[in-house]
N, C-alpha and C. Protein backbone atom coordinates (compact mmCIF):
# COMPACT_ATOMS: atom_id res chain seq x y z
N MET A 1 97.43 137.74 97.12
CA MET A 1 97.22 136.33 97.31
C MET A 1 97.04 135.38 98.57
N PHE A 2 98.12 135.18 99.53
CA PHE A 2 97.85 135.03 100.48
C PHE A 2 96.70 135.03 101.64
N VAL A 3 96.37 136.44 101.80
CA VAL A 3 95.65 136.69 102.43
C VAL A 3 94.43 136.42 102.21
N LEU A 4 94.13 136.20 100.92
CA LEU A 4 92.50 136.09 100.27
C LEU A 4 92.58 134.21 100.50
N LEU A 5 93.52 133.87 100.43
CA LEU A 5 93.41 131.93 100.80
C LEU A 5 93.11 131.84 102.41
N VAL A 6 93.80 132.25 102.96
CA VAL A 6 93.74 132.46 104.82
C VAL A 6 92.04 133.23 104.94
N GLY A 7 91.79 134.25 104.71
CA GLY A 7 90.39 134.27 104.37
C GLY A 7 89.24 133.43 104.07
N LEU A 8 89.55 132.60 103.04
CA LEU A 8 89.03 131.81 102.21
C LEU A 8 88.15 130.70 103.24
N LEU A 9 89.85 129.61 103.96
CA LEU A 9 89.70 128.46 105.23
C LEU A 9 89.02 129.30 105.61
N ALA A 10 88.96 130.36 106.73
CA ALA A 10 88.44 130.82 107.43
C ALA A 10 86.49 130.57 107.31
N LEU A 11 86.72 131.05 106.45
CA LEU A 11 85.29 130.94 105.84
C LEU A 11 84.71 130.17 105.79
N ALA A 12 84.98 128.84 105.48
CA ALA A 12 85.13 127.44 105.06
C ALA A 12 84.95 127.06 106.27
N GLY A 13 85.19 126.85 107.36
CA GLY A 13 85.69 126.91 108.48
C GLY A 13 84.63 127.07 109.69
N LEU A 14 84.40 128.11 109.57
CA LEU A 14 82.96 128.65 109.66
C LEU A 14 81.57 127.96 109.57
N GLN A 15 81.32 127.70 107.75
CA GLN A 15 80.52 126.98 107.65
C GLN A 15 80.41 125.81 107.55
N ALA A 16 81.08 125.49 107.99
CA ALA A 16 81.20 123.12 108.34
C ALA A 16 80.80 123.74 110.37
N ARG A 17 81.41 124.61 110.61
CA ARG A 17 80.93 125.08 111.75
C ARG A 17 79.34 124.97 112.02
N THR A 18 78.91 125.36 111.30
CA THR A 18 77.87 126.30 111.57
C THR A 18 76.53 124.37 111.17
N LEU A 19 77.21 123.99 109.77
CA LEU A 19 76.16 123.06 109.75
C LEU A 19 76.61 122.16 110.44
N SER A 20 77.67 121.91 111.45
CA SER A 20 77.18 121.34 112.65
C SER A 20 76.58 121.22 113.53
N GLN A 21 76.28 122.52 114.35
CA GLN A 21 75.56 123.71 114.67
C GLN A 21 74.16 123.28 114.34
N THR A 22 74.05 123.55 113.34
CA THR A 22 72.75 123.61 112.89
C THR A 22 71.98 121.74 112.90
N ARG A 23 72.75 120.69 112.33
CA ARG A 23 72.40 119.48 113.18
C ARG A 23 72.58 119.29 114.81
N ASP A 24 73.14 119.72 114.93
CA ASP A 24 72.99 119.88 116.37
C ASP A 24 71.33 120.05 116.84
N THR A 25 71.67 121.40 116.56
CA THR A 25 69.68 121.67 116.24
C THR A 25 68.77 120.88 116.47
N GLU A 26 68.95 120.28 114.93
CA GLU A 26 67.47 119.89 114.88
C GLU A 26 67.64 118.40 114.97
N ILE A 27 68.56 118.12 115.39
CA ILE A 27 68.81 115.92 116.04
C ILE A 27 68.00 116.95 117.65
N ARG A 28 68.13 118.68 118.61
CA ARG A 28 67.36 118.52 119.16
C ARG A 28 66.15 118.71 119.27
N SER A 29 65.73 119.34 118.69
CA SER A 29 64.41 119.87 118.24
C SER A 29 63.57 118.26 118.17
N LEU A 30 64.00 117.48 116.70
CA LEU A 30 63.88 116.10 116.77
C LEU A 30 63.47 115.51 118.17
N VAL A 31 63.97 115.43 119.33
CA VAL A 31 64.11 114.82 120.66
C VAL A 31 62.76 114.94 120.65
N ALA A 32 63.11 116.82 121.34
CA ALA A 32 61.82 117.40 121.91
C ALA A 32 60.58 117.13 121.41
N LEU A 33 60.27 117.17 119.93
CA LEU A 33 59.02 116.51 119.91
C LEU A 33 58.59 115.31 119.46
N GLN A 34 59.67 114.55 119.64
CA GLN A 34 59.66 112.91 119.68
C GLN A 34 59.18 112.64 121.49
N ALA A 35 59.76 113.05 121.98
CA ALA A 35 58.60 113.74 124.01
C ALA A 35 58.02 114.53 123.85
N GLU A 36 56.99 115.40 123.78
CA GLU A 36 56.56 115.98 123.43
C GLU A 36 55.36 114.78 122.40
N SER A 37 55.16 114.35 122.01
CA SER A 37 54.46 113.13 121.25
C SER A 37 54.00 112.37 122.51
N LEU A 38 55.30 111.76 123.17
CA LEU A 38 54.59 110.39 123.62
C LEU A 38 54.05 111.07 125.25
N ALA A 39 54.46 112.39 125.31
CA ALA A 39 54.09 112.96 126.60
C ALA A 39 51.97 113.51 126.45
N GLU A 40 51.93 113.84 125.56
CA GLU A 40 50.68 113.73 124.36
C GLU A 40 49.76 112.39 124.26
N ALA A 41 50.62 111.32 123.87
CA ALA A 41 49.86 110.20 123.62
C ALA A 41 49.69 109.58 125.02
N MET A 42 50.44 110.02 126.10
CA MET A 42 50.51 109.84 127.41
C MET A 42 49.05 109.91 128.42
N ARG A 43 49.22 111.10 127.89
CA ARG A 43 47.94 111.65 128.86
C ARG A 43 46.64 111.54 128.73
N ALA A 44 46.40 110.52 127.31
CA ALA A 44 45.13 110.58 126.02
C ALA A 44 45.01 109.17 126.99
N ASN A 45 45.53 107.61 127.67
CA ASN A 45 45.85 106.79 127.95
C ASN A 45 46.35 106.20 129.80
N PRO A 46 45.16 107.53 129.90
CA PRO A 46 46.41 107.11 131.34
C PRO A 46 45.10 105.67 132.18
N LEU A 47 46.12 105.02 133.68
CA LEU A 47 44.85 104.22 134.03
C LEU A 47 44.18 104.94 135.04
N ARG A 48 42.99 104.54 135.01
CA ARG A 48 42.02 104.86 135.82
C ARG A 48 41.29 104.20 136.89
N GLN A 49 41.95 104.32 138.42
CA GLN A 49 41.67 103.50 139.46
C GLN A 49 40.53 103.93 140.70
N LEU A 50 40.30 103.50 141.39
CA LEU A 50 39.06 104.32 142.11
C LEU A 50 40.17 103.67 144.00
N ASP A 51 39.97 104.75 144.52
CA ASP A 51 41.02 105.00 145.85
C ASP A 51 40.22 104.09 146.38
N ALA A 52 40.51 104.87 148.51
CA ALA A 52 39.45 104.05 149.18
C ALA A 52 38.21 105.25 149.08
N ASN A 53 38.49 106.46 148.76
CA ASN A 53 36.90 107.47 148.77
C ASN A 53 35.87 107.43 147.11
N GLY A 54 36.37 106.77 146.39
CA GLY A 54 35.87 106.13 145.86
C GLY A 54 36.01 107.10 144.38
N ALA A 55 37.00 108.03 144.82
CA ALA A 55 37.85 108.78 143.57
C ALA A 55 38.12 108.15 142.07
N THR A 56 37.96 109.17 141.63
CA THR A 56 39.34 108.22 140.39
C THR A 56 40.78 108.70 140.42
N VAL A 57 42.14 108.22 140.26
CA VAL A 57 42.56 108.14 140.73
C VAL A 57 43.16 107.65 139.37
N LEU A 58 44.60 108.96 138.32
CA LEU A 58 44.88 108.24 137.04
C LEU A 58 46.35 108.11 137.39
N SER A 59 47.07 106.94 136.76
CA SER A 59 48.38 106.71 136.98
C SER A 59 48.71 106.05 135.58
N TRP A 60 49.98 106.00 135.40
CA TRP A 60 50.70 106.18 133.70
C TRP A 60 51.86 104.86 134.35
N GLU A 61 51.26 103.91 134.77
CA GLU A 61 52.49 103.20 135.25
C GLU A 61 52.17 102.08 134.64
N HIS A 62 52.42 101.87 133.55
CA HIS A 62 51.69 101.30 132.21
C HIS A 62 52.41 101.48 131.44
N TYR A 63 53.11 103.02 131.06
CA TYR A 63 54.54 103.96 130.41
C TYR A 63 55.89 103.43 131.59
N VAL A 64 55.35 103.61 132.35
CA VAL A 64 57.03 103.39 133.10
C VAL A 64 57.77 102.09 132.62
N GLU A 65 59.04 101.87 132.85
CA GLU A 65 60.44 100.98 131.88
C GLU A 65 61.13 101.30 133.19
N SER A 66 61.72 99.95 133.80
CA SER A 66 63.19 100.18 134.54
C SER A 66 64.67 100.45 133.68
N GLY A 67 64.52 100.52 132.35
CA GLY A 67 65.48 100.30 131.87
C GLY A 67 65.13 100.77 130.41
N TYR A 68 66.55 100.66 130.18
CA TYR A 68 66.47 100.99 128.02
C TYR A 68 66.16 99.74 127.38
N ALA A 69 66.53 98.65 128.02
CA ALA A 69 65.60 97.44 127.49
C ALA A 69 64.29 96.98 128.18
N SER A 70 64.07 98.32 128.62
CA SER A 70 63.09 97.30 128.84
C SER A 70 61.17 97.00 127.75
N HIS A 71 61.79 97.23 126.76
CA HIS A 71 60.86 97.60 125.66
C HIS A 71 60.97 96.44 124.97
N ASP A 72 61.01 95.96 124.11
CA ASP A 72 61.26 95.41 123.56
C ASP A 72 61.95 96.12 121.80
N ALA A 73 62.51 96.32 120.47
CA ALA A 73 62.46 96.97 119.71
C ALA A 73 62.27 96.51 118.69
N SER A 74 61.46 95.53 118.65
CA SER A 74 60.41 95.31 117.33
C SER A 74 59.08 96.08 117.51
N ALA A 75 57.60 96.19 116.93
CA ALA A 75 56.71 96.14 117.00
C ALA A 75 55.62 95.40 117.99
N PRO A 76 55.25 96.38 118.74
CA PRO A 76 54.51 95.04 119.08
C PRO A 76 53.32 94.05 119.04
N ALA A 77 53.20 92.89 118.83
CA ALA A 77 52.61 91.87 118.19
C ALA A 77 50.47 92.78 118.55
N ASN A 78 50.61 93.19 119.10
CA ASN A 78 48.74 93.73 118.73
C ASN A 78 49.37 95.54 118.79
N SER A 79 49.26 96.02 117.42
CA SER A 79 49.94 97.14 116.76
C SER A 79 48.31 98.38 117.53
N CYS A 80 47.01 97.79 118.02
CA CYS A 80 45.53 98.66 117.99
C CYS A 80 44.37 98.58 116.79
N ARG A 81 44.70 98.20 115.56
CA ARG A 81 44.22 98.44 114.70
C ARG A 81 43.20 98.83 114.93
N ASP A 82 42.76 97.29 115.75
CA ASP A 82 41.06 97.19 115.64
C ASP A 82 40.60 97.35 117.70
N ALA A 83 40.06 98.17 117.71
CA ALA A 83 39.79 99.07 119.23
C ALA A 83 39.26 98.03 119.95
N ALA A 84 38.72 96.42 119.32
CA ALA A 84 37.84 95.68 120.01
C ALA A 84 39.50 95.01 120.88
N GLY A 85 40.50 94.71 120.67
CA GLY A 85 41.17 94.15 121.02
C GLY A 85 42.34 94.44 121.49
N CYS A 86 42.41 95.73 121.60
CA CYS A 86 43.62 96.75 122.30
C CYS A 86 43.41 97.27 123.94
N SER A 87 44.53 96.48 124.30
CA SER A 87 43.83 97.26 126.07
C SER A 87 45.02 98.28 126.38
N GLN A 88 44.72 98.96 127.61
CA GLN A 88 45.70 99.92 127.48
C GLN A 88 47.01 99.97 127.80
N GLN A 89 47.21 98.47 128.73
CA GLN A 89 48.97 98.10 128.38
C GLN A 89 49.66 98.17 126.43
N ASN A 90 47.92 97.28 125.69
CA ASN A 90 49.23 96.80 124.12
C ASN A 90 49.14 98.57 123.39
N LEU A 91 48.39 99.56 124.08
CA LEU A 91 48.70 100.84 123.45
C LEU A 91 49.67 101.57 124.03
N ALA A 92 49.68 101.04 125.12
CA ALA A 92 51.59 102.17 125.68
C ALA A 92 52.44 101.48 125.84
N ALA A 93 52.41 99.96 125.18
CA ALA A 93 54.04 99.35 124.61
C ALA A 93 53.59 99.46 123.26
N LEU A 94 52.34 100.19 122.02
CA LEU A 94 52.33 100.92 120.98
C LEU A 94 53.33 102.35 120.91
N ASP A 95 53.15 102.87 121.80
CA ASP A 95 53.37 104.13 122.70
C ASP A 95 54.43 104.28 122.31
N LEU A 96 55.24 103.92 123.07
CA LEU A 96 56.62 103.45 123.77
C LEU A 96 57.22 103.02 122.26
N TRP A 97 57.14 101.84 121.52
CA TRP A 97 57.00 101.14 119.92
C TRP A 97 57.82 102.61 119.73
N ALA A 98 55.87 103.59 118.87
CA ALA A 98 57.00 104.61 118.42
C ALA A 98 57.12 105.74 117.99
N PHE A 99 57.93 105.92 119.95
CA PHE A 99 58.30 106.83 120.20
C PHE A 99 60.02 106.66 119.81
N LYS A 100 60.92 105.61 120.00
CA LYS A 100 61.81 105.17 120.40
C LYS A 100 62.13 104.48 118.40
N SER A 101 61.41 104.48 117.67
CA SER A 101 61.42 104.29 116.25
C SER A 101 61.07 105.65 115.75
N GLY A 102 60.40 106.64 116.51
CA GLY A 102 61.64 108.10 115.51
C GLY A 102 61.99 108.38 116.03
N LEU A 103 63.06 108.45 117.16
CA LEU A 103 63.93 108.38 118.10
C LEU A 103 65.08 108.37 116.48
N ALA A 104 64.57 106.27 116.58
CA ALA A 104 66.06 105.88 115.64
C ALA A 104 66.10 106.64 114.46
N SER A 105 65.40 105.99 114.27
CA SER A 105 65.07 106.94 112.38
C SER A 105 65.04 108.50 112.54
N GLY A 106 65.05 109.19 112.88
CA GLY A 106 65.20 110.24 112.31
C GLY A 106 66.88 110.62 113.25
N LEU A 107 67.78 110.17 113.76
CA LEU A 107 68.61 110.46 114.37
C LEU A 107 69.67 109.51 112.91
N ALA A 108 71.28 109.98 112.37
CA ALA A 108 71.47 109.87 112.25
C ALA A 108 72.53 108.61 112.43
N ALA A 109 73.56 107.31 111.71
CA ALA A 109 73.82 106.47 112.48
C ALA A 109 74.88 106.13 113.00
N GLY A 110 75.34 107.82 113.39
CA GLY A 110 76.67 108.03 114.27
C GLY A 110 76.05 108.13 115.69
N ASN A 111 75.19 108.41 116.06
CA ASN A 111 73.81 109.23 116.87
C ASN A 111 73.36 108.41 117.91
N ALA A 112 74.63 107.37 118.12
CA ALA A 112 73.24 106.48 119.12
C ALA A 112 72.30 107.41 119.77
N VAL A 113 71.58 106.02 120.41
CA VAL A 113 70.41 107.23 121.08
C VAL A 113 69.83 106.36 121.97
N GLN A 114 69.00 106.53 123.85
CA GLN A 114 68.67 105.94 124.36
C GLN A 114 67.45 106.50 124.42
N ALA A 115 66.19 105.86 125.51
CA ALA A 115 65.03 106.24 125.61
C ALA A 115 64.42 105.27 126.61
N ALA A 116 64.14 106.10 127.88
CA ALA A 116 63.67 105.05 128.88
C ALA A 116 62.69 106.39 129.11
N VAL A 117 61.37 106.27 129.84
CA VAL A 117 59.94 106.25 130.98
C VAL A 117 60.46 105.98 131.71
N CYS A 118 60.57 107.01 133.09
CA CYS A 118 61.01 106.17 134.15
C CYS A 118 60.30 107.45 135.27
N ARG A 119 60.44 106.38 136.69
CA ARG A 119 60.99 107.72 137.53
C ARG A 119 62.48 107.47 137.85
N GLY A 120 63.50 108.94 138.80
CA GLY A 120 64.24 109.11 138.73
C GLY A 120 64.62 110.72 138.79
N SER A 121 65.77 110.67 139.51
CA SER A 121 65.75 112.77 139.65
C SER A 121 67.70 112.68 139.34
N ALA A 122 68.16 111.49 138.70
CA ALA A 122 69.61 111.97 138.66
C ALA A 122 69.62 111.77 136.22
N ALA A 123 71.04 112.48 136.42
CA ALA A 123 70.92 113.12 135.34
C ALA A 123 70.96 111.02 134.29
N PRO A 124 70.85 111.74 133.48
CA PRO A 124 70.44 110.16 132.82
C PRO A 124 72.59 110.14 131.56
N SER A 125 72.80 108.73 131.44
CA SER A 125 74.00 108.89 130.95
C SER A 125 73.72 107.53 129.48
N GLN A 126 75.13 107.25 128.81
CA GLN A 126 74.28 107.07 127.34
C GLN A 126 74.51 105.25 128.56
N ASP A 127 74.72 105.45 129.76
CA ASP A 127 74.51 103.30 130.28
C ASP A 127 73.99 103.02 131.46
N ASP A 128 73.30 104.77 132.22
CA ASP A 128 72.32 104.59 133.42
C ASP A 128 71.19 105.65 132.82
N PRO A 129 69.69 105.08 132.54
CA PRO A 129 68.41 105.57 131.82
C PRO A 129 68.41 107.11 134.09
N GLY A 130 69.18 106.79 134.56
CA GLY A 130 68.95 107.29 135.48
C GLY A 130 67.72 106.94 136.48
N CYS A 131 66.78 105.50 136.68
CA CYS A 131 66.24 105.49 136.50
C CYS A 131 65.95 104.90 138.22
N SER A 132 65.33 105.75 139.34
CA SER A 132 65.77 104.89 140.81
C SER A 132 64.20 104.51 141.35
N GLY A 133 63.11 104.76 140.54
CA GLY A 133 61.69 104.53 140.98
C GLY A 133 60.87 105.19 141.53
N SER A 134 62.37 106.32 142.10
CA SER A 134 61.15 107.54 142.97
C SER A 134 61.36 108.60 141.84
N GLY A 135 61.21 110.07 142.64
CA GLY A 135 61.12 111.14 142.09
C GLY A 135 59.73 111.84 141.05
N PRO A 136 59.54 111.88 139.41
CA PRO A 136 59.15 112.31 138.92
C PRO A 136 58.94 111.59 138.00
N LEU A 137 58.08 111.39 136.98
CA LEU A 137 58.02 110.57 135.87
C LEU A 137 58.53 110.93 134.58
N SER A 138 59.43 110.31 133.99
CA SER A 138 60.11 110.96 133.06
C SER A 138 60.03 111.32 131.40
N ILE A 139 60.60 111.82 131.23
CA ILE A 139 60.81 110.97 129.54
C ILE A 139 61.98 111.36 129.34
N ARG A 140 63.08 110.47 129.33
CA ARG A 140 64.50 110.34 129.16
C ARG A 140 65.12 110.05 128.14
N VAL A 141 66.10 110.99 127.30
CA VAL A 141 66.18 110.87 126.02
C VAL A 141 68.22 110.97 126.06
N VAL A 142 68.25 109.52 125.89
CA VAL A 142 70.61 110.14 125.70
C VAL A 142 71.13 110.09 124.66
N TRP A 143 72.03 111.20 123.56
CA TRP A 143 72.13 110.51 122.55
C TRP A 143 73.55 111.37 121.92
N SER A 144 74.20 110.88 121.36
CA SER A 144 75.38 111.04 120.91
C SER A 144 75.52 111.44 119.56
N SER A 145 77.03 112.07 119.99
CA SER A 145 77.14 114.02 118.58
C SER A 145 78.54 113.77 118.07
N ARG A 146 78.92 114.45 117.00
CA ARG A 146 80.13 114.57 117.32
C ARG A 146 81.19 115.57 116.61
N LEU A 147 81.39 115.75 117.40
CA LEU A 147 82.72 117.38 118.14
C LEU A 147 83.24 117.58 116.63
N ASP A 148 83.46 118.51 116.91
CA ASP A 148 84.70 119.24 116.38
C ASP A 148 85.89 119.03 116.78
N GLY A 149 87.01 119.59 116.88
CA GLY A 149 88.37 119.47 117.49
C GLY A 149 88.43 120.79 119.07
N LYS A 150 86.96 121.42 118.58
CA LYS A 150 87.80 123.22 118.92
C LYS A 150 86.63 122.29 120.18
N SER A 151 85.35 122.60 119.89
CA SER A 151 84.38 121.71 120.50
C SER A 151 84.57 120.88 121.18
N ARG A 152 85.07 120.34 120.81
CA ARG A 152 85.27 119.11 122.31
C ARG A 152 86.38 119.32 122.85
N GLN A 153 87.57 119.89 122.26
CA GLN A 153 88.20 120.89 123.67
C GLN A 153 87.77 121.75 124.70
N ALA A 154 86.79 122.83 124.47
CA ALA A 154 86.38 123.63 125.05
C ALA A 154 85.15 122.46 125.85
N LEU A 155 84.48 121.61 125.85
CA LEU A 155 84.11 120.95 126.84
C LEU A 155 84.91 120.33 127.63
N VAL A 156 85.78 120.13 127.33
CA VAL A 156 86.59 119.70 128.46
C VAL A 156 87.20 120.62 129.24
N ASP A 157 87.76 121.88 128.70
CA ASP A 157 87.89 122.13 129.41
C ASP A 157 86.92 122.68 130.43
N SER A 158 86.12 123.31 130.97
CA SER A 158 84.48 123.64 130.51
C SER A 158 83.71 122.16 131.54
N GLY A 159 84.63 121.68 131.67
CA GLY A 159 84.50 120.22 132.67
C GLY A 159 82.30 119.41 132.36
N GLN A 160 82.27 120.66 130.69
CA GLN A 160 80.79 119.45 130.73
C GLN A 160 80.47 118.74 129.69
N ARG A 161 79.32 118.09 130.04
CA ARG A 161 79.27 117.24 128.92
C ARG A 161 80.16 115.32 129.20
N ALA A 162 79.38 114.28 128.61
CA ALA A 162 80.85 113.46 129.00
C ALA A 162 81.25 113.26 127.75
N ALA A 163 82.75 114.26 127.65
CA ALA A 163 83.54 114.40 126.54
C ALA A 163 84.90 114.12 126.56
N THR A 164 86.37 113.81 126.22
CA THR A 164 87.61 113.48 126.51
C THR A 164 88.23 114.41 125.20
N ALA A 165 89.29 114.68 125.68
CA ALA A 165 90.07 115.48 124.77
C ALA A 165 90.39 114.32 124.01
N SER A 166 90.45 113.36 123.95
CA SER A 166 90.57 111.87 122.60
C SER A 166 89.03 111.90 122.16
N SER A 167 88.52 111.56 123.00
CA SER A 167 86.74 111.33 122.21
C SER A 167 86.84 112.63 121.34
N PRO A 168 85.70 111.59 119.69
CA PRO A 168 84.73 112.95 119.21
C PRO A 168 83.54 112.80 119.28
N LEU A 169 83.12 112.30 120.30
CA LEU A 169 81.61 112.05 120.89
C LEU A 169 81.52 113.09 121.72
N ALA A 170 80.12 114.20 121.86
CA ALA A 170 79.38 114.28 123.35
C ALA A 170 78.46 113.66 123.78
N GLU A 171 78.04 113.53 124.76
CA GLU A 171 76.72 113.14 125.50
C GLU A 171 75.62 114.32 125.62
N ASN A 172 74.78 113.64 124.34
CA ASN A 172 73.68 115.56 124.70
C ASN A 172 72.20 114.51 125.83
N ARG A 173 71.53 115.27 126.19
CA ARG A 173 70.55 114.75 127.06
C ARG A 173 69.31 115.65 127.49
N TYR A 174 68.01 114.68 127.07
CA TYR A 174 66.83 115.56 127.37
C TYR A 174 66.03 115.12 128.37
N VAL A 175 65.58 115.52 128.70
CA VAL A 175 64.40 115.31 129.83
C VAL A 175 63.48 115.87 130.16
N LEU A 176 62.19 115.19 130.16
CA LEU A 176 60.86 115.60 129.80
C LEU A 176 60.35 115.66 131.30
N VAL A 177 59.79 116.05 132.30
CA VAL A 177 58.82 115.78 133.15
C VAL A 177 58.06 116.22 132.75
N PHE A 178 57.70 114.65 133.06
CA PHE A 178 55.87 113.80 132.82
C PHE A 178 55.11 115.20 133.51
N GLU A 179 53.91 115.99 132.98
CA GLU A 179 53.35 116.54 133.99
C GLU A 179 51.54 115.90 133.03
N PRO A 180 50.89 116.21 133.73
CA PRO A 180 49.63 115.51 133.59
C PRO A 180 48.44 116.94 133.04
């Protein structure tokens, strides 16, 4: 009877861990899908300028943010429903708002999420998006997720992620380098 009880407890623990890992995978997929969606919106809305030789140069600077708080969390005043009153900057603001709203609504309340579109090569964190103003244009997303005791200790032992032995949260990152 004791052996059966231990076996059932082990099976329950395995199932709980599997559910946790499945949720982490779902969140990572949601983040990737939202980032790809924003990248497609950006490709559809470049600024077109002429260089000194008269050639058209494409730019996405109207999407660039200086940090996490660069865009307001509320919906833009111009929702671009009327194409006549919608500038490229208005559409970029709407795209960024939709991206960040999609992330916030798709992640559970316990998963703090930060996102920015900027140039930089440093790894983002919850405190700093790694925007230096130079480097590749990228969509950067950072979120926290709960860790069970074994996963937390394994990450601490290996030096991965921003986890400590006492912290129940791990910092996850997704960076999509924008390529037109």
